[in-house]
Amino acid sequence: MVEALVALLVMSFGMVALVGILSNLRRSEDLARQRGEAQRIAQAEIAKFRAFSLIDRPVGTGTEIQAFSDLNVGTTVTTSATPDNSNVTYTVTRSSAWSTTIPNMAEVRVSVQWTDRVGDAQTILLDSMIAAIDPAFTGALFVAPPPGMTRQPGERSPAIPPDAKDLGDKTSAYKPSPGGGTAWVFDNQTGLVTKSCSVSTGISTSAITTGDLTSCATVTNGYFVSGTIRFSMTAPPNAKVPEATAVPAHAAVTLTSLGHPAAPVCFDDSGTVPYAITYACLILGNTGTPSIWSGSIELTSIDTTTLPTPPYRVCRYTYDYSRNGRIDNEEHADLYVNVAKSLPRQNFLVVAGGQSCPVDSSTFDPAARNFVNYTTKEQQPTRTP
């Protein structure tokens, strides 16, 4: 009898514990369902205001048209919601305010509150941002971009040197010779040089301000051409990682087109860096319509003609990246034809005179994440198209 009573007592404790577990499971399941409902209510509240079709509601229209102005930025609105088959009523509070850092951007917070089956208060918060931009502007996505170079995220043409100083007025300044007294001013959108100014020889490009640009001359159709000159004296030459010390070399432009108001000017930092020379040239377009230039760029102050074997051979980095079967101007052509834009990355490789210009056997294939080819072709003494 005693043993039966003890067993009954133990079983009773187990049943009580089981009842408690079942109660907790039921509460947890109920709370999970309520949280899911609250999350959907908050998301629907945000989505409702993201779906506006107008900024301001026209006079006389009803709720069939959703306008951004319905958000009433700067106010707090409280409503209630009871989904179908729900055992609770939710309190929905929407507050909004204009962003202090991003123009025309509203910061929105939706709070959904309710009381669960045991009387505990529960809350779901959802934050988002909604731009006050007329949906009509999305039509611009279907308009083809204008011809020419695309612009970088920094709102500057990729033809502008990365270290050029943005002056904050949609122009940038750049010293083509670090120790010189000339600075060129670029139009950030087109990448063309619009002014040639005098600056202090001691000022760096990064320190230039509009107040430092004095005695400026207006430049019309100022095309900028830039690149680097690197050296490799190994056999065979290394085009990917040129290793040799730089020797004095300068870029020079020879024009074949006529009608230019002035001769091209080139600057470089030859003698100031050990392994590479950076050059920059300003070429004024001719008086034709459109204003263009044609010609070639070669290196001077470097012996490529002594017979039977010259000390150096000049190669140009070039590759048919557009895969149209030819070398276009921007791909570093041997002879430029009808150039009407600025050209960055017109790079050279100087090798020993007894060596051939190196060719990269890899295939340019963006799909395979291979974005660069290091093929070079002879520029001096013999041009290879």
Foldseek 3Di string as FASTA:
>chain_A
DVVVVVVVVVVVVVVVVVVVVVVVVVQVVLVVVVVVVQVVVQVVVVVQLQPAQEQDDDPPDDPVHHHNCVLVAQDKDWDWDDDPPRPWIKIKIKHWHQDPPDPQKIKIKIKIWTAGPVGDIDIDIDIDIHGSDNPVVVVVVVPDDDDDADADPVQFGPLDPPLWADQPPQKTWADQEQQDQWIFIARRNFRATFKIFGAHSNDGRNPDYPVRGPPIDTADLKAKEKAKEFEAADVAGDLVDRDAWDDDKFKAWDWPDDAFPDGKDKDWHPPPDTTMIIMMIIGHFGPDVVGFTKTAMDMPPAWQDDPDFTQKFKKWFFDPLVPPPDTAVLRQALIHDGDRGYHYHRYMYMYGRVYAFDFFPDDCDVVVPRHDTRGIHTNPPDGDD
